[in-house]
């Protein structure tokens, strides 16, 4: 399965910048849907953040999904790859 990788940056309440990727199946390219996925993920965090906006979330590239990514996408419609300041 190929996935689109949306590189996302969000400011935390403590001033740190979170960086994570939102991975969705190719063809899912409605920005609001992608932002909704990212905001759902942010709701799982114990700290507050700014909402996701188009200038902080952009399609970066397409790659082949791993089994873990496919399982997450099958369950939720998306997969999050945490990169920096996500915990």
Protein backbone atom coordinates (compact mmCIF):
# COMPACT_ATOMS: atom_id res chain seq x y z
CA UNK A 1 0.00 0.00 0.00
CA UNK A 2 1.28 3.46 -0.84
CA UNK A 3 0.62 6.31 1.57
CA UNK A 4 0.83 10.07 1.36
CA UNK A 5 2.98 11.60 4.08
CA UNK A 6 1.79 14.94 5.46
CA UNK A 7 4.62 16.65 7.36
CA UNK A 8 3.04 18.47 10.31
CA UNK A 9 4.30 21.03 12.83
CA UNK A 10 2.23 22.21 15.80
CA UNK A 11 3.15 24.55 18.64
CA UNK A 12 2.67 23.16 22.15
CA UNK A 13 1.53 25.29 25.10
CA UNK A 14 5.11 25.24 26.48
CA UNK A 15 6.44 26.76 23.24
CA UNK A 16 8.02 23.58 21.88
CA UNK A 17 7.24 22.66 18.30
CA UNK A 18 5.87 19.16 17.72
CA UNK A 19 6.74 17.46 14.45
CA UNK A 20 4.84 14.40 13.27
CA UNK A 21 3.70 12.86 10.01
CA UNK A 22 0.10 12.04 9.18
CA UNK A 23 0.04 9.08 6.80
CA UNK A 24 -3.04 8.37 4.70
CA UNK A 25 -3.74 6.13 1.71
CA UNK A 26 -2.94 7.77 -1.61
CA UNK A 27 -6.02 9.48 -2.94
CA UNK A 28 -7.11 10.80 0.46
CA UNK A 29 -6.10 14.38 -0.17
CA UNK A 30 -8.86 16.54 1.29
CA UNK A 31 -6.99 18.94 3.59
CA UNK A 32 -9.81 19.18 6.13
CA UNK A 33 -9.89 15.37 6.45
CA UNK A 34 -6.13 15.33 7.02
CA UNK A 35 -6.38 18.15 9.60
CA UNK A 36 -9.21 16.27 11.36
CA UNK A 37 -6.99 13.17 11.59
CA UNK A 38 -4.18 15.27 13.06
CA UNK A 39 -6.47 17.02 15.52
CA UNK A 40 -7.88 13.65 16.64
CA UNK A 41 -4.32 12.57 17.37
CA UNK A 42 -3.59 15.80 19.26
CA UNK A 43 -6.59 15.16 21.53
CA UNK A 44 -4.77 12.06 22.84
CA UNK A 45 -1.94 14.19 24.23
CA UNK A 46 -1.88 15.35 27.88
CA UNK A 47 -0.86 18.88 26.85
CA UNK A 48 -2.55 21.62 24.82
CA UNK A 49 -1.52 22.62 21.32
CA UNK A 50 -2.57 25.07 18.66
CA UNK A 51 -4.90 23.59 16.02
CA UNK A 52 -3.44 22.33 12.76
CA UNK A 53 -3.46 24.80 9.87
CA UNK A 54 -2.48 24.52 6.22
CA UNK A 55 0.82 26.35 6.68
CA UNK A 56 1.90 23.76 9.26
CA UNK A 57 0.69 20.64 7.46
CA UNK A 58 1.68 19.82 3.88
CA UNK A 59 2.03 16.76 1.75
CA UNK A 60 5.68 15.83 1.68
CA UNK A 61 6.02 12.61 -0.31
CA UNK A 62 4.57 9.17 -1.04
CA UNK A 63 6.07 5.98 0.38
CA UNK A 64 5.26 2.30 0.87
CA UNK A 65 3.50 1.57 4.15
CA UNK A 66 4.82 -0.88 6.72
CA UNK A 67 2.58 -3.54 8.26
CA UNK A 68 2.17 -1.36 11.39
CA UNK A 69 1.07 1.61 9.26
CA UNK A 70 -1.40 -0.52 7.30
CA UNK A 71 -2.93 -1.88 10.53
CA UNK A 72 -3.38 1.65 11.90
CA UNK A 73 -4.84 2.94 8.62
CA UNK A 74 -7.24 -0.01 8.47
CA UNK A 75 -8.41 0.72 12.01
CA UNK A 76 -8.53 4.55 12.05
CA UNK A 77 -8.09 5.72 8.46
CA UNK A 78 -4.65 7.18 9.19
CA UNK A 79 -1.33 6.53 10.91
CA UNK A 80 0.78 8.98 12.92
CA UNK A 81 4.55 8.84 12.86
CA UNK A 82 5.87 10.85 15.83
CA UNK A 83 9.12 12.66 15.06
CA UNK A 84 9.92 15.40 17.60
CA UNK A 85 8.48 16.75 20.89
CA UNK A 86 5.40 14.53 20.71
CA UNK A 87 5.58 13.29 24.30
